């Protein structure tokens, strides 16, 4: 097998993203055939060379898995929870491969959640610069004014104690159900912590429900609590959305 850069080999093994792998190399946590390596240009043959990361032997390229999960309300988007709440991993008990969520949905939110062991693609999708659109159905308490919605569409300043103020990127907001507590379709190209809830709070309205229905080219199409594997074409579309067109296995 031809030699490849170490960071690419480590990312292909599903340990972490290529960027994080570069940091591991630079910090002296990677060795090849017993020799410590800190140069990012170093190459190796994953089938012939013994590569260790943090003292553990690399097992080679991992079969990449890509899942679309419909997260129900009342589940935490983590592997474990100190408060003992159900986690999304409870919904994946029959899955043999370890996967990780791409981004998060908070405890009270539901809908489309992407999971994978492809660290490089996950990192590309979560970078703010990737600008992958995410669409949500949002139920709001009370009826926001036209002026308030205009602020959200153009970008609103979010405040958080002890942190600098940040202005959100422009959002697409469309009314989907007119009612005393209306529903809106909201599309964002960024993913700040509790962003939609904080945005509506800035214009004086509490968010009652949030459901993510689209993530880039993917649409929510499985029942709550269930998941499916992505098709190869969907994976390629995600790679393109993230600005990462390098072919991957599925």
Protein backbone atom coordinates (compact mmCIF):
# COMPACT_ATOMS: atom_id res chain seq x y z
CA UNK A 1 0.00 0.00 0.00
CA UNK A 2 1.40 3.47 -0.86
CA UNK A 3 2.58 5.62 2.01
CA UNK A 4 0.23 8.35 3.22
CA UNK A 5 0.54 11.29 5.56
CA UNK A 6 0.15 10.29 9.20
CA UNK A 7 -2.72 12.68 9.89
CA UNK A 8 -4.69 11.16 7.02
CA UNK A 9 -4.10 7.62 8.32
CA UNK A 10 -5.19 8.58 11.84
CA UNK A 11 -8.35 10.30 10.58
CA UNK A 12 -9.21 7.27 8.42
CA UNK A 13 -9.01 5.08 11.53
CA UNK A 14 -11.95 7.00 12.98
CA UNK A 15 -10.05 8.29 16.01
CA UNK A 16 -10.41 11.99 15.29
CA UNK A 17 -10.42 14.56 12.51
CA UNK A 18 -7.36 15.27 10.37
CA UNK A 19 -6.90 18.66 12.07
CA UNK A 20 -6.94 17.08 15.53
CA UNK A 21 -4.57 14.38 14.28
CA UNK A 22 -2.10 17.10 13.27
CA UNK A 23 -2.26 18.46 16.82
CA UNK A 24 -1.58 14.98 18.24
CA UNK A 25 1.46 14.63 15.99
CA UNK A 26 2.84 18.09 16.83
CA UNK A 27 2.40 17.47 20.56
CA UNK A 28 4.46 14.26 20.41
CA UNK A 29 1.68 11.72 20.92
CA UNK A 30 2.31 9.71 17.75
CA UNK A 31 5.06 7.16 17.03
CA UNK A 32 5.92 5.06 13.98
CA UNK A 33 7.79 1.79 14.51
CA UNK A 34 8.82 2.96 17.98
CA UNK A 35 10.12 6.34 16.85
CA UNK A 36 8.38 9.51 18.06
CA UNK A 37 7.15 11.65 15.16
CA UNK A 38 6.42 15.38 15.36
CA UNK A 39 6.79 16.43 11.70
CA UNK A 40 3.44 16.89 9.97
CA UNK A 41 4.84 15.86 6.59
CA UNK A 42 5.79 12.38 7.83
CA UNK A 43 4.36 9.49 5.82
CA UNK A 44 3.77 5.84 6.71
CA UNK A 45 2.22 2.66 5.36
CA UNK A 46 -0.76 1.72 7.59
CA UNK A 47 -0.52 -1.94 6.53
CA UNK A 48 3.22 -2.30 7.17
CA UNK A 49 4.17 0.23 9.86
CA UNK A 50 3.28 0.08 13.56
CA UNK A 51 1.62 3.40 14.34
CA UNK A 52 0.75 4.32 17.91
CA UNK A 53 -1.43 7.23 19.02
CA UNK A 54 -1.24 8.08 22.71
CA UNK A 55 0.55 4.76 23.24
CA UNK A 56 -2.23 2.71 21.62
CA UNK A 57 -1.62 0.73 18.44
CA UNK A 58 -3.61 1.98 15.47
CA UNK A 59 -5.85 -0.75 14.11
CA UNK A 60 -6.07 0.61 10.57
CA UNK A 61 -8.79 2.27 8.57
CA UNK A 62 -12.24 1.86 10.06
CA UNK A 63 -15.32 1.18 7.99
CA UNK A 64 -17.12 4.47 7.96
CA UNK A 65 -20.71 4.53 9.15
CA UNK A 66 -23.15 7.39 8.52
CA UNK A 67 -26.52 7.47 10.29
CA UNK A 68 -29.59 9.70 10.26
CA UNK A 69 -31.41 9.52 13.61
CA UNK A 70 -34.75 11.04 14.57
CA UNK A 71 -33.93 12.18 18.11
CA UNK A 72 -36.99 12.30 20.39
CA UNK A 73 -37.49 15.00 22.98
CA UNK A 74 -36.04 14.00 26.36
CA UNK A 75 -32.75 12.49 25.15
CA UNK A 76 -29.30 13.99 25.68
CA UNK A 77 -26.94 14.25 22.69
CA UNK A 78 -23.99 12.69 24.55
CA UNK A 79 -22.58 9.21 25.15
CA UNK A 80 -23.42 9.39 28.88
CA UNK A 81 -25.15 11.76 31.27
CA UNK A 82 -24.13 12.46 34.90
CA UNK A 83 -27.78 13.12 35.75
CA UNK A 84 -28.81 9.69 34.49
CA UNK A 85 -31.02 10.98 31.69
CA UNK A 86 -31.55 8.87 28.55
CA UNK A 87 -28.95 9.50 25.84
CA UNK A 88 -29.01 9.02 22.09
CA UNK A 89 -26.74 6.00 22.57
CA UNK A 90 -29.69 4.23 24.18
CA UNK A 91 -31.33 4.37 20.75
CA UNK A 92 -28.33 2.69 19.07
CA UNK A 93 -27.98 -0.43 21.23
CA UNK A 94 -28.06 -2.77 18.22
CA UNK A 95 -25.26 -0.88 16.44
CA UNK A 96 -21.86 -2.60 16.66
CA UNK A 97 -19.76 0.40 15.56
CA UNK A 98 -19.09 3.39 17.80
CA UNK A 99 -20.40 6.61 16.25
CA UNK A 100 -20.51 10.23 17.38
CA UNK A 101 -23.08 12.99 16.85
CA UNK A 102 -22.31 15.79 14.42
CA UNK A 103 -23.37 18.87 16.39
CA UNK A 104 -26.11 18.70 18.99
CA UNK A 105 -29.80 18.97 19.65
CA UNK A 106 -30.58 20.00 23.21
CA UNK A 107 -32.57 17.87 25.65
CA UNK A 108 -35.92 19.47 24.81
CA UNK A 109 -35.37 19.54 21.03
CA UNK A 110 -36.06 16.75 18.57
CA UNK A 111 -35.53 15.75 14.97
CA UNK A 112 -32.72 15.03 12.54
CA UNK A 113 -29.35 14.18 14.06
CA UNK A 114 -26.40 12.99 12.00
CA UNK A 115 -23.98 10.45 13.54
CA UNK A 116 -20.77 9.02 12.11
CA UNK A 117 -17.31 7.66 12.93
CA UNK A 118 -15.84 9.69 10.06
CA UNK A 119 -13.98 12.27 12.14
CA UNK A 120 -12.80 14.27 9.17
CA UNK A 121 -16.27 14.77 7.69
CA UNK A 122 -17.75 15.49 11.13
CA UNK A 123 -15.16 18.21 11.71
CA UNK A 124 -15.79 19.74 8.27
CA UNK A 125 -19.55 19.82 8.88
CA UNK A 126 -19.29 21.44 12.31
CA UNK A 127 -16.87 24.17 11.28
CA UNK A 128 -18.68 27.50 11.15
CA UNK A 129 -17.11 28.16 7.76
CA UNK A 130 -18.88 25.16 6.21
CA UNK A 131 -22.20 27.08 6.18
CA UNK A 132 -24.25 23.90 5.87
CA UNK A 133 -27.92 24.95 6.13
CA UNK A 134 -30.04 23.41 8.88
CA UNK A 135 -33.83 23.78 8.91
CA UNK A 136 -36.11 23.61 11.96
CA UNK A 137 -39.82 23.76 12.68
CA UNK A 138 -40.23 26.10 15.64
CA UNK A 139 -43.32 26.75 17.79
CA UNK A 140 -43.23 30.15 19.49
CA UNK A 141 -45.20 31.43 22.48
CA UNK A 142 -47.14 34.50 21.34
CA UNK A 143 -46.97 36.22 17.97
CA UNK A 144 -43.68 37.98 17.13
CA UNK A 145 -43.98 41.37 15.45
CA UNK A 146 -42.92 41.93 11.87
CA UNK A 147 -40.14 44.14 13.21
CA UNK A 148 -38.90 41.38 15.51
CA UNK A 149 -38.85 38.79 12.72
CA UNK A 150 -36.99 41.25 10.49
CA UNK A 151 -34.29 41.48 13.16
CA UNK A 152 -33.93 37.71 13.24
CA UNK A 153 -33.73 37.53 9.45
CA UNK A 154 -30.97 40.14 9.26
CA UNK A 155 -29.06 38.88 12.34
CA UNK A 156 -29.56 39.61 16.02
CA UNK A 157 -27.00 40.20 18.78
CA UNK A 158 -26.92 37.38 21.36
CA UNK A 159 -25.89 38.16 24.91
CA UNK A 160 -24.43 35.73 27.42
CA UNK A 161 -23.03 36.65 30.85
CA UNK A 162 -19.23 36.71 30.90
CA UNK A 163 -18.90 36.31 27.13
CA UNK A 164 -18.59 38.81 24.27
CA UNK A 165 -21.71 39.63 22.32
CA UNK A 166 -22.09 37.87 18.98
CA UNK A 167 -24.29 38.67 16.01
CA UNK A 168 -26.00 35.77 14.30
CA UNK A 169 -25.78 35.22 10.57
CA UNK A 170 -28.90 36.09 8.54
CA UNK A 171 -31.64 33.48 8.95
CA UNK A 172 -34.51 32.41 6.71
CA UNK A 173 -37.82 32.50 8.59
CA UNK A 174 -41.21 31.57 7.13
CA UNK A 175 -44.58 31.28 8.87
CA UNK A 176 -45.93 27.75 8.41
CA UNK A 177 -48.92 27.78 10.79
CA UNK A 178 -50.65 30.94 11.93
CA UNK A 179 -52.05 30.65 15.45
CA UNK A 180 -51.89 32.40 18.83
CA UNK A 181 -48.70 30.34 19.28
CA UNK A 182 -47.48 30.11 15.66
CA UNK A 183 -45.06 27.73 13.94
CA UNK A 184 -42.16 28.94 11.81
CA UNK A 185 -39.70 27.26 9.49
CA UNK A 186 -36.25 28.56 10.44
CA UNK A 187 -33.08 27.89 8.41
CA UNK A 188 -29.67 28.67 9.88
CA UNK A 189 -26.16 28.39 8.44
CA UNK A 190 -24.49 28.26 11.86
CA UNK A 191 -25.01 26.32 15.06
CA UNK A 192 -24.42 28.29 18.24
CA UNK A 193 -25.48 26.86 21.59
CA UNK A 194 -29.29 27.07 22.00
CA UNK A 195 -29.25 29.55 19.13
CA UNK A 196 -32.90 29.48 18.05
CA UNK A 197 -34.18 29.73 21.62
CA UNK A 198 -31.84 32.64 22.34
CA UNK A 199 -32.73 34.41 19.09
CA UNK A 200 -36.45 34.44 19.87
CA UNK A 201 -35.77 35.39 23.49
CA UNK A 202 -33.97 38.47 22.17
CA UNK A 203 -37.23 39.65 20.58
CA UNK A 204 -39.29 38.72 23.65
CA UNK A 205 -40.69 35.28 22.80
CA UNK A 206 -40.24 31.86 24.39
CA UNK A 207 -39.73 28.85 22.12
CA UNK A 208 -42.05 25.98 23.01
CA UNK A 209 -40.89 23.33 20.54
CA UNK A 210 -38.00 22.77 18.11
CA UNK A 211 -37.77 20.00 15.53
CA UNK A 212 -34.92 19.80 13.01
CA UNK A 213 -36.26 18.55 9.70
CA UNK A 214 -33.33 19.12 7.29
CA UNK A 215 -29.54 19.06 7.51
CA UNK A 216 -27.86 20.11 4.27
CA UNK A 217 -29.12 17.65 1.62
CA UNK A 218 -30.74 15.31 4.19
CA UNK A 219 -34.43 15.32 5.14
CA UNK A 220 -35.99 13.75 8.23
CA UNK A 221 -37.72 10.58 7.00
CA UNK A 222 -37.69 8.08 9.91
CA UNK A 223 -40.01 7.82 12.95
CA UNK A 224 -38.95 9.24 16.34
CA UNK A 225 -36.33 7.09 18.07
CA UNK A 226 -35.33 5.26 14.88
CA UNK A 227 -32.40 5.65 12.49
CA UNK A 228 -31.20 4.59 9.06
CA UNK A 229 -27.88 4.43 7.26
CA UNK A 230 -27.16 7.08 4.66
CA UNK A 231 -27.00 6.10 1.01
CA UNK A 232 -23.64 6.56 -0.77
CA UNK A 233 -25.07 9.45 -2.79
CA UNK A 234 -26.22 11.18 0.41
CA UNK A 235 -22.72 10.87 1.85
CA UNK A 236 -21.24 12.41 -1.31
CA UNK A 237 -23.75 15.25 -1.10
CA UNK A 238 -22.77 15.88 2.53
CA UNK A 239 -19.10 15.94 1.58
CA UNK A 240 -19.85 18.49 -1.11
CA UNK A 241 -21.93 20.58 1.31
CA UNK A 242 -19.01 20.62 3.73
CA UNK A 243 -16.54 21.56 1.00
CA UNK A 244 -14.96 18.13 1.31
CA UNK A 245 -15.30 16.12 -1.90
CA UNK A 246 -12.67 13.45 -1.12
CA UNK A 247 -14.25 10.03 -1.83
CA UNK A 248 -15.05 7.91 1.22
CA UNK A 249 -16.36 4.41 1.75
CA UNK A 250 -19.83 3.83 3.11
